[in-house]
Amino acid sequence: MWIRIWAGLSVAMIMPCCVSAEQCMQMVFTGTVKAGEGYSHPLNARLDFRLAPLKDDWGWGISVGPAGSTEDWTAPVTFPIRTGEQQVVGTGYGGTVQDRLAGPVSVQFVLTEAEFERLSSMADETLDSPRPEAAGELIEQVSKVSQGRATLQALKYGKGVTAETVKWMDFRITVLVPTSFPSEGKSWAPMSCPRQGPKGR
């Protein structure tokens, strides 16, 4: 259903980071994760960046959400919504984990619980809506919301027995958010915001 909705749009959307923000800030950190294991790094006192292992050593799924919660604040704003394709650093959707590790993987995420709940509810309603314009209305709402962006770049990794598997990964994460995002003493550096507005892909 969702694949058909997004295929019906004239342009694939990449939503901007830091909508309506005049200034941004950036956090960069590195880590190592083994196949079958997860990883978590706090962005502030409330939100974590997370990697969850996929089955059969196929890689990892990216999420951002409250510590101790299964909520994924990337879900309502990282397109295509509901397939989870963009949040996967691994095998699936016609590619392999080793394909995905060749370049950066970026996801958007909302910054507040209220926006997560509002846009998640709107996404659910759009999924059930017979109106073809519903998807466009959701995209318009998403484009108005301040967001963060997390980008994963694999630095090194251990190849598995097949191209579908990986043994471990060294990676760098770059997170960009508006300065309104509560930093709470974490290591954020001032950074120019990217150009506003969605772009064609």
Protein backbone atom coordinates (compact mmCIF):
# COMPACT_ATOMS: atom_id res chain seq x y z
CA MET A 1 0.00 0.00 0.00
CA TRP A 2 2.65 2.51 1.04
CA ILE A 3 4.87 1.63 -1.89
CA ARG A 4 1.98 2.44 -4.23
CA ILE A 5 1.28 5.72 -2.44
CA TRP A 6 4.85 6.96 -2.74
CA ALA A 7 5.19 5.67 -6.30
CA GLY A 8 2.22 7.86 -7.18
CA LEU A 9 4.08 11.02 -6.19
CA SER A 10 5.88 12.90 -8.94
CA VAL A 11 9.11 13.32 -6.96
CA ALA A 12 10.76 11.21 -4.28
CA MET A 13 11.20 13.45 -1.25
CA ILE A 14 14.25 13.95 0.91
CA MET A 15 13.11 16.03 3.85
CA PRO A 16 15.34 18.82 5.17
CA CYS A 17 17.03 18.83 8.51
CA CYS A 18 16.32 21.59 10.96
CA VAL A 19 13.17 23.03 9.38
CA SER A 20 12.63 26.67 10.41
CA ALA A 21 15.83 26.73 12.46
CA GLU A 22 18.25 29.63 12.00
CA GLN A 23 21.21 27.86 13.57
CA CYS A 24 22.19 24.23 13.95
CA MET A 25 24.63 22.15 15.95
CA GLN A 26 26.41 18.89 15.26
CA MET A 27 27.55 15.86 17.24
CA VAL A 28 30.03 13.35 15.81
CA PHE A 29 30.94 10.07 17.47
CA THR A 30 32.40 6.72 16.48
CA GLY A 31 31.71 3.19 17.58
CA THR A 32 32.06 -0.51 16.89
CA VAL A 33 29.31 -3.09 16.76
CA LYS A 34 29.43 -6.85 16.25
CA ALA A 35 26.99 -8.93 14.22
CA GLY A 36 23.98 -9.93 16.28
CA GLU A 37 24.59 -7.16 18.83
CA GLY A 38 23.00 -3.75 19.31
CA TYR A 39 24.45 -0.32 19.98
CA SER A 40 23.17 2.82 21.70
CA HIS A 41 24.56 6.33 22.19
CA PRO A 42 22.78 9.16 24.07
CA LEU A 43 22.04 12.37 22.16
CA ASN A 44 20.75 14.07 25.28
CA ALA A 45 19.16 12.99 28.56
CA ARG A 46 16.08 11.72 26.74
CA LEU A 47 16.96 10.50 23.25
CA ASP A 48 19.32 7.74 22.08
CA PHE A 49 20.73 6.87 18.67
CA ARG A 50 20.41 3.10 18.28
CA LEU A 51 21.45 0.22 16.06
CA ALA A 52 19.43 -3.00 16.32
CA PRO A 53 20.77 -6.25 14.82
CA LEU A 54 18.98 -7.83 11.87
CA LYS A 55 18.46 -11.57 11.58
CA ASP A 56 21.18 -13.92 10.31
CA ASP A 57 23.97 -11.29 10.60
CA TRP A 58 22.37 -9.22 7.84
CA GLY A 59 23.38 -5.89 9.41
CA TRP A 60 21.52 -3.36 11.56
CA GLY A 61 18.47 -1.13 11.68
CA ILE A 62 18.80 2.54 12.69
CA SER A 63 16.42 4.23 15.10
CA VAL A 64 16.30 7.29 17.33
CA GLY A 65 14.04 7.27 20.35
CA PRO A 66 13.60 7.74 24.10
CA ALA A 67 15.93 5.72 26.28
CA GLY A 68 14.28 2.50 27.40
CA SER A 69 11.51 2.80 24.81
CA THR A 70 10.84 1.01 21.54
CA GLU A 71 9.51 4.21 19.93
CA ASP A 72 11.30 5.12 16.72
CA TRP A 73 11.22 8.87 16.08
CA THR A 74 12.60 8.37 12.56
CA ALA A 75 9.49 6.46 11.46
CA PRO A 76 7.07 9.31 10.65
CA VAL A 77 9.57 11.53 8.82
CA THR A 78 12.07 9.28 7.01
CA PHE A 79 10.73 8.39 3.57
CA PRO A 80 9.45 6.01 2.34
CA ILE A 81 7.40 5.79 5.52
CA ARG A 82 6.43 2.35 6.77
CA THR A 83 8.77 0.28 4.61
CA GLY A 84 11.75 1.00 6.87
CA GLU A 85 14.04 0.81 3.84
CA GLN A 86 16.08 3.93 4.57
CA GLN A 87 16.66 2.95 8.21
CA VAL A 88 18.29 -0.38 7.30
CA VAL A 89 22.06 -0.72 7.07
CA GLY A 90 21.80 -4.26 5.88
CA THR A 91 20.52 -6.84 3.45
CA GLY A 92 17.06 -6.32 2.00
CA TYR A 93 15.10 -4.21 -0.48
CA GLY A 94 17.09 -5.60 -3.40
CA GLY A 95 20.55 -4.99 -1.92
CA THR A 96 23.06 -6.58 0.46
CA VAL A 97 24.62 -5.34 3.66
CA GLN A 98 27.95 -4.96 1.89
CA ASP A 99 26.25 -2.78 -0.75
CA ARG A 100 24.78 -0.58 1.97
CA LEU A 101 28.08 -0.23 3.81
CA ALA A 102 29.70 1.28 0.72
CA GLY A 103 28.16 4.71 1.33
CA PRO A 104 26.52 6.86 4.00
CA VAL A 105 23.01 6.15 5.29
CA SER A 106 20.93 9.08 6.58
CA VAL A 107 17.66 9.21 8.50
CA GLN A 108 15.52 12.09 9.73
CA PHE A 109 13.92 12.18 13.18
CA VAL A 110 11.44 14.36 15.03
CA LEU A 111 12.53 16.27 18.11
CA THR A 112 9.55 16.04 20.46
CA GLU A 113 7.12 13.42 21.75
CA ALA A 114 4.20 15.59 20.65
CA GLU A 115 5.40 15.71 17.02
CA PHE A 116 6.13 11.98 17.05
CA GLU A 117 2.61 11.18 18.22
CA ARG A 118 0.93 13.69 15.86
CA LEU A 119 2.78 12.60 12.72
CA SER A 120 2.58 8.90 13.57
CA SER A 121 -1.19 9.25 13.94
CA MET A 122 -1.40 11.15 10.66
CA ALA A 123 0.71 8.48 8.93
CA ASP A 124 -1.64 5.75 10.20
CA GLU A 125 -4.65 7.69 8.96
CA THR A 126 -2.99 8.20 5.57
CA LEU A 127 -2.32 4.47 5.30
CA ASP A 128 -6.04 3.78 5.73
CA SER A 129 -7.25 6.67 3.61
CA PRO A 130 -8.75 6.06 0.15
CA ARG A 131 -7.93 9.65 -0.83
CA PRO A 132 -4.91 9.87 -3.18
CA GLU A 133 -4.07 13.36 -1.90
CA ALA A 134 -3.61 12.11 1.68
CA ALA A 135 0.06 11.24 1.13
CA GLY A 136 0.77 14.73 -0.19
CA GLU A 137 -0.89 16.26 2.85
CA LEU A 138 1.30 14.17 5.15
CA ILE A 139 4.45 15.18 3.26
CA GLU A 140 3.45 18.83 3.56
CA GLN A 141 3.04 18.50 7.33
CA VAL A 142 6.36 16.68 7.68
CA SER A 143 8.12 19.42 5.70
CA LYS A 144 7.04 22.00 8.30
CA VAL A 145 8.38 20.15 11.33
CA SER A 146 11.80 20.80 12.84
CA GLN A 147 13.86 17.63 12.49
CA GLY A 148 17.26 16.19 13.19
CA ARG A 149 19.33 14.13 10.81
CA ALA A 150 21.63 11.21 11.69
CA THR A 151 24.11 9.92 9.12
CA LEU A 152 26.02 6.66 9.50
CA GLN A 153 29.26 6.10 7.59
CA ALA A 154 30.93 2.70 7.83
CA LEU A 155 34.68 3.12 8.34
CA LYS A 156 35.66 -0.56 8.29
CA TYR A 157 33.80 -3.83 8.48
CA GLY A 158 34.39 -7.55 8.49
CA LYS A 159 32.82 -9.37 5.56
CA GLY A 160 30.68 -12.39 6.23
CA VAL A 161 30.71 -15.64 4.32
CA THR A 162 28.31 -14.14 1.78
CA ALA A 163 27.57 -10.57 0.64
CA GLU A 164 24.38 -10.73 2.72
CA THR A 165 26.30 -10.99 6.00
CA VAL A 166 28.76 -8.94 8.01
CA LYS A 167 30.79 -9.83 11.12
CA TRP A 168 31.40 -6.37 12.59
CA MET A 169 31.45 -2.67 11.72
CA ASP A 170 33.45 0.38 12.78
CA PHE A 171 31.37 3.47 12.04
CA ARG A 172 31.06 7.24 12.41
CA ILE A 173 27.76 8.92 13.23
CA THR A 174 27.10 12.59 12.43
CA VAL A 175 23.98 14.09 13.99
CA LEU A 176 22.70 17.53 12.98
CA VAL A 177 19.92 19.29 14.91
CA PRO A 178 18.60 22.84 15.41
CA THR A 179 19.97 24.71 18.41
CA SER A 180 16.55 24.42 20.06
CA PHE A 181 17.34 20.74 20.66
CA PRO A 182 18.23 20.27 24.37
CA SER A 183 21.97 19.56 24.47
CA GLU A 184 22.19 19.04 28.25
CA GLY A 185 25.97 19.13 28.41
CA LYS A 186 26.58 16.74 25.54
CA SER A 187 29.30 17.43 22.96
CA TRP A 188 27.57 19.58 20.33
CA ALA A 189 29.43 22.00 18.05
CA PRO A 190 27.87 25.01 16.26
CA MET A 191 27.21 24.31 12.59
CA SER A 192 25.52 26.08 9.68
CA CYS A 193 22.11 24.66 8.86
CA PRO A 194 21.71 23.03 5.46
CA ARG A 195 19.69 24.73 2.76
CA GLN A 196 15.98 24.64 3.51
CA GLY A 197 13.36 22.79 1.56
CA PRO A 198 12.83 19.32 0.08
CA LYS A 199 14.86 18.19 -2.91
CA GLY A 200 14.28 15.75 -5.70
CA ARG A 201 16.32 12.57 -5.67
